[in-house]
């Protein structure tokens, strides 16, 4: 049974969607409905939903800002909105679907079908130690990425660049420090002042003062001497 949460600042919109989702009660259960995005921020992690039906236009904190403030999360996203101007931004987010209000029942059926298909292909495997998905805000829009697709993150001044498995690069105007806590876990390690790496993509460690890591994309990342011991422990090198 999939667990769903609805976030919509309008009571009427959230109530109508909740009623329509009742048709899918054999596959999906609505475990919470929020009309205040800040209240949802404080509660949603404990609920551990599989999918969030997320309104885009909300006063004070829109849907994209909500995901960014959340930091990391493991659920899928289906956007609901009365405006169609956000379509491209939603596609960048790799959302399951994008539903225009008033929500058409056939389109809702299609969205639930896509959700079930994606959940079957990418089952939840996150733990408290492994971040799930991240919302990265850029000049182009907001990207939603799986943390498992990150090879490394490199810093330059107040910017961080994410290098992904599909060779895509995403630059965000945040410091590496702001992502260090979010990405902390078994796979990620900060190896210098300017780099966090996903150890799952390390090909080789070359010895040196701090040493160098060769990554699967062919790049070499220097390790600072002060962080060498932590790296050796993670890689089980003695």
Protein backbone atom coordinates (compact mmCIF):
# COMPACT_ATOMS: atom_id res chain seq x y z
CA UNK A 1 0.00 0.00 0.00
CA UNK A 2 1.46 3.35 -1.08
CA UNK A 3 1.31 6.21 1.41
CA UNK A 4 0.37 9.65 0.09
CA UNK A 5 0.46 13.16 1.53
CA UNK A 6 -1.40 16.16 0.09
CA UNK A 7 -0.06 19.71 0.44
CA UNK A 8 -2.32 22.46 -0.88
CA UNK A 9 -2.88 25.83 0.80
CA UNK A 10 -6.52 25.83 -0.36
CA UNK A 11 -8.80 23.68 1.78
CA UNK A 12 -11.23 23.15 -1.09
CA UNK A 13 -8.49 21.89 -3.43
CA UNK A 14 -7.02 19.47 -0.89
CA UNK A 15 -10.47 18.15 0.06
CA UNK A 16 -11.48 17.51 -3.55
CA UNK A 17 -8.22 15.71 -4.33
CA UNK A 18 -8.53 13.61 -1.19
CA UNK A 19 -12.00 12.51 -2.28
CA UNK A 20 -10.81 11.61 -5.78
CA UNK A 21 -7.92 9.61 -4.38
CA UNK A 22 -10.40 7.54 -2.38
CA UNK A 23 -11.03 5.65 -5.64
CA UNK A 24 -7.49 4.23 -5.36
CA UNK A 25 -7.77 3.13 -1.72
CA UNK A 26 -6.78 -0.42 -2.68
CA UNK A 27 -3.37 0.86 -3.84
CA UNK A 28 -2.91 4.16 -2.05
CA UNK A 29 -3.71 5.62 1.36
CA UNK A 30 -3.73 9.35 2.13
CA UNK A 31 -2.00 9.55 5.50
CA UNK A 32 -2.03 13.34 5.90
CA UNK A 33 -3.41 16.52 4.35
CA UNK A 34 -1.67 19.85 4.94
CA UNK A 35 -2.81 23.36 4.07
CA UNK A 36 0.24 25.03 5.63
CA UNK A 37 3.60 24.29 3.96
CA UNK A 38 5.56 25.14 7.11
CA UNK A 39 3.55 22.66 9.15
CA UNK A 40 4.16 20.06 6.43
CA UNK A 41 7.92 20.75 6.64
CA UNK A 42 7.98 19.76 10.29
CA UNK A 43 5.81 16.64 9.91
CA UNK A 44 6.46 15.01 6.55
CA UNK A 45 9.72 13.24 7.44
CA UNK A 46 8.00 11.32 10.23
CA UNK A 47 5.18 10.28 7.89
CA UNK A 48 7.60 8.75 5.33
CA UNK A 49 5.20 8.99 2.36
CA UNK A 50 5.78 7.34 -1.00
CA UNK A 51 4.29 10.29 -2.88
CA UNK A 52 3.53 13.94 -2.24
CA UNK A 53 0.73 15.67 -4.15
CA UNK A 54 2.21 19.16 -4.09
CA UNK A 55 0.54 22.46 -4.97
CA UNK A 56 2.87 24.88 -6.74
CA UNK A 57 1.40 28.29 -5.87
CA UNK A 58 1.26 28.74 -2.10
CA UNK A 59 1.71 32.00 -0.15
CA UNK A 60 5.00 32.36 1.66
CA UNK A 61 6.53 29.15 0.35
CA UNK A 62 5.78 27.71 -3.08
CA UNK A 63 6.07 24.04 -3.98
CA UNK A 64 9.58 24.30 -5.40
CA UNK A 65 10.84 26.23 -2.37
CA UNK A 66 9.21 23.64 -0.13
CA UNK A 67 11.23 20.83 -1.70
CA UNK A 68 14.42 22.85 -1.49
CA UNK A 69 13.90 23.66 2.19
CA UNK A 70 13.23 20.01 2.89
CA UNK A 71 16.82 19.25 1.88
CA UNK A 72 16.73 15.54 1.11
CA UNK A 73 13.70 13.28 0.77
CA UNK A 74 12.75 9.89 -0.61
CA UNK A 75 9.20 10.34 -1.90
CA UNK A 76 7.97 10.89 -5.45
CA UNK A 77 6.25 14.14 -6.43
CA UNK A 78 3.04 14.83 -8.34
CA UNK A 79 2.42 18.55 -8.82
CA UNK A 80 -1.08 20.04 -8.70
CA UNK A 81 -1.72 23.62 -9.78
CA UNK A 82 -4.20 25.94 -11.44
CA UNK A 83 -1.43 27.40 -13.63
CA UNK A 84 0.27 25.75 -16.60
CA UNK A 85 3.26 28.12 -16.62
CA UNK A 86 5.28 25.76 -14.42
CA UNK A 87 5.29 22.80 -16.80
CA UNK A 88 8.94 23.11 -17.87
CA UNK A 89 10.12 23.61 -14.31
CA UNK A 90 8.19 20.54 -13.20
CA UNK A 91 9.77 18.50 -16.00
CA UNK A 92 13.21 19.55 -14.84
CA UNK A 93 12.24 18.21 -11.46
CA UNK A 94 11.53 14.79 -12.95
CA UNK A 95 8.19 14.72 -11.18
CA UNK A 96 5.94 11.71 -11.70
CA UNK A 97 3.29 13.93 -13.24
CA UNK A 98 1.80 17.41 -13.44
CA UNK A 99 -1.93 17.86 -12.87
CA UNK A 100 -3.86 21.01 -13.72
CA UNK A 101 -6.77 22.03 -11.52
CA UNK A 102 -9.60 21.21 -11.61
CA UNK A 103 -8.03 17.76 -11.71
CA UNK A 104 -9.40 15.53 -14.43
CA UNK A 105 -10.13 11.99 -13.21
CA UNK A 106 -8.62 10.36 -16.31
CA UNK A 107 -5.42 12.36 -15.82
CA UNK A 108 -5.35 11.37 -12.17
CA UNK A 109 -5.66 7.71 -13.20
CA UNK A 110 -2.69 8.19 -15.53
CA UNK A 111 -0.65 9.84 -12.78
CA UNK A 112 -1.32 6.97 -10.36
CA UNK A 113 -0.38 4.45 -13.05
CA UNK A 114 2.92 6.29 -13.62
CA UNK A 115 3.51 6.44 -9.89
CA UNK A 116 3.04 2.68 -9.45
CA UNK A 117 5.33 2.02 -12.42
CA UNK A 118 8.07 4.27 -11.05
CA UNK A 119 7.78 2.77 -7.57
CA UNK A 120 8.17 -0.70 -9.05
CA UNK A 121 11.26 0.39 -11.01
CA UNK A 122 12.82 2.40 -8.19
CA UNK A 123 11.69 1.01 -4.85
CA UNK A 124 12.45 3.02 -1.75
CA UNK A 125 15.76 1.98 -0.27
CA UNK A 126 16.65 5.02 1.81
CA UNK A 127 17.70 4.86 5.42
CA UNK A 128 18.48 7.47 8.02
CA UNK A 129 22.12 7.28 6.88
CA UNK A 130 21.49 7.48 3.15
CA UNK A 131 19.91 10.60 1.62
CA UNK A 132 17.22 10.00 -0.97
CA UNK A 133 16.49 12.85 -3.35
CA UNK A 134 17.62 16.47 -3.46
CA UNK A 135 15.99 19.60 -4.87
CA UNK A 136 18.66 21.84 -6.43
CA UNK A 137 17.69 25.41 -7.24
CA UNK A 138 19.49 26.97 -10.23
CA UNK A 139 19.07 29.96 -12.52
CA UNK A 140 17.14 27.68 -14.91
CA UNK A 141 14.77 26.22 -12.36
CA UNK A 142 14.70 23.51 -9.71
CA UNK A 143 16.14 20.06 -10.38
CA UNK A 144 15.15 16.99 -8.40
CA UNK A 145 17.90 14.38 -8.45
CA UNK A 146 18.54 11.02 -6.84
CA UNK A 147 21.54 11.21 -4.53
CA UNK A 148 22.73 7.87 -5.91
CA UNK A 149 23.36 9.59 -9.26
CA UNK A 150 25.86 12.07 -7.75
CA UNK A 151 29.50 11.25 -8.47
CA UNK A 152 30.96 14.27 -6.71
CA UNK A 153 30.25 17.84 -5.64
CA UNK A 154 32.90 20.49 -6.10
CA UNK A 155 33.00 23.98 -4.60
CA UNK A 156 34.06 27.28 -6.10
CA UNK A 157 33.61 30.25 -3.79
CA UNK A 158 29.90 30.36 -2.84
CA UNK A 159 28.86 27.94 -5.61
CA UNK A 160 28.67 24.15 -5.69
CA UNK A 161 28.68 22.04 -8.85
CA UNK A 162 27.06 18.60 -8.85
CA UNK A 163 28.58 16.09 -11.30
CA UNK A 164 26.09 13.33 -12.12
CA UNK A 165 26.31 9.81 -13.48
CA UNK A 166 24.69 10.86 -16.79
CA UNK A 167 27.50 13.44 -17.28
CA UNK A 168 25.14 16.31 -16.44
CA UNK A 169 26.47 19.22 -14.36
CA UNK A 170 24.25 21.31 -12.09
CA UNK A 171 25.58 24.48 -10.48
CA UNK A 172 23.84 25.96 -7.46
CA UNK A 173 24.51 29.13 -5.50
CA UNK A 174 25.14 27.43 -2.17
CA UNK A 175 28.34 26.51 -0.39
CA UNK A 176 29.63 22.97 -0.03
CA UNK A 177 29.13 23.26 3.73
CA UNK A 178 25.38 23.60 3.21
CA UNK A 179 25.31 20.19 1.50
CA UNK A 180 27.78 18.41 3.75
CA UNK A 181 25.20 17.53 6.41
CA UNK A 182 22.53 16.68 3.85
CA UNK A 183 24.81 14.25 2.03
CA UNK A 184 26.46 12.73 5.06
CA UNK A 185 26.07 8.97 5.06
CA UNK A 186 27.76 5.72 4.15
CA UNK A 187 28.43 6.69 0.52
CA UNK A 188 29.39 10.36 0.78
CA UNK A 189 32.49 11.89 2.30
CA UNK A 190 34.02 15.34 2.22
CA UNK A 191 37.64 14.74 1.23
CA UNK A 192 38.85 18.34 1.04
CA UNK A 193 37.69 21.92 1.46
CA UNK A 194 36.47 21.86 -2.13
CA UNK A 195 35.04 18.37 -2.73
CA UNK A 196 32.51 15.82 -1.52
CA UNK A 197 32.64 12.45 -3.29
CA UNK A 198 30.33 9.48 -3.58
CA UNK A 199 32.57 6.57 -2.61
CA UNK A 200 30.46 4.21 -4.72
CA UNK A 201 32.08 5.82 -7.79
CA UNK A 202 35.71 5.56 -6.67
CA UNK A 203 37.85 3.46 -9.04
CA UNK A 204 41.29 3.85 -7.49
CA UNK A 205 43.12 5.56 -4.64
CA UNK A 206 46.58 6.86 -5.48
CA UNK A 207 48.93 7.33 -2.53
CA UNK A 208 50.41 10.68 -1.65
CA UNK A 209 50.46 13.27 1.13
CA UNK A 210 46.68 13.20 1.06
CA UNK A 211 46.40 11.12 -2.04
CA UNK A 212 44.13 11.26 -5.07
CA UNK A 213 40.89 9.52 -5.97
CA UNK A 214 40.15 8.41 -9.50
CA UNK A 215 36.40 8.46 -10.17
CA UNK A 216 34.34 6.47 -12.68
CA UNK A 217 33.95 9.53 -14.92
CA UNK A 218 37.73 9.68 -15.34
CA UNK A 219 38.32 12.67 -13.10
CA UNK A 220 40.92 12.79 -10.35
CA UNK A 221 40.08 14.47 -7.05
CA UNK A 222 42.71 15.44 -4.52
CA UNK A 223 42.34 14.38 -0.90
CA UNK A 224 43.53 16.76 1.81
CA UNK A 225 46.03 15.33 4.28
CA UNK A 226 43.72 16.17 7.19
CA UNK A 227 40.93 14.02 5.73
CA UNK A 228 43.04 11.10 4.57
CA UNK A 229 42.51 9.03 7.74
CA UNK A 230 38.70 9.32 7.51
CA UNK A 231 38.86 8.26 3.86
CA UNK A 232 41.08 5.25 4.61
CA UNK A 233 38.59 4.13 7.26
CA UNK A 234 35.66 4.46 4.84
CA UNK A 235 37.48 2.57 2.12
CA UNK A 236 38.77 0.01 4.62
CA UNK A 237 42.37 0.65 3.53
CA UNK A 238 45.02 -0.03 6.16
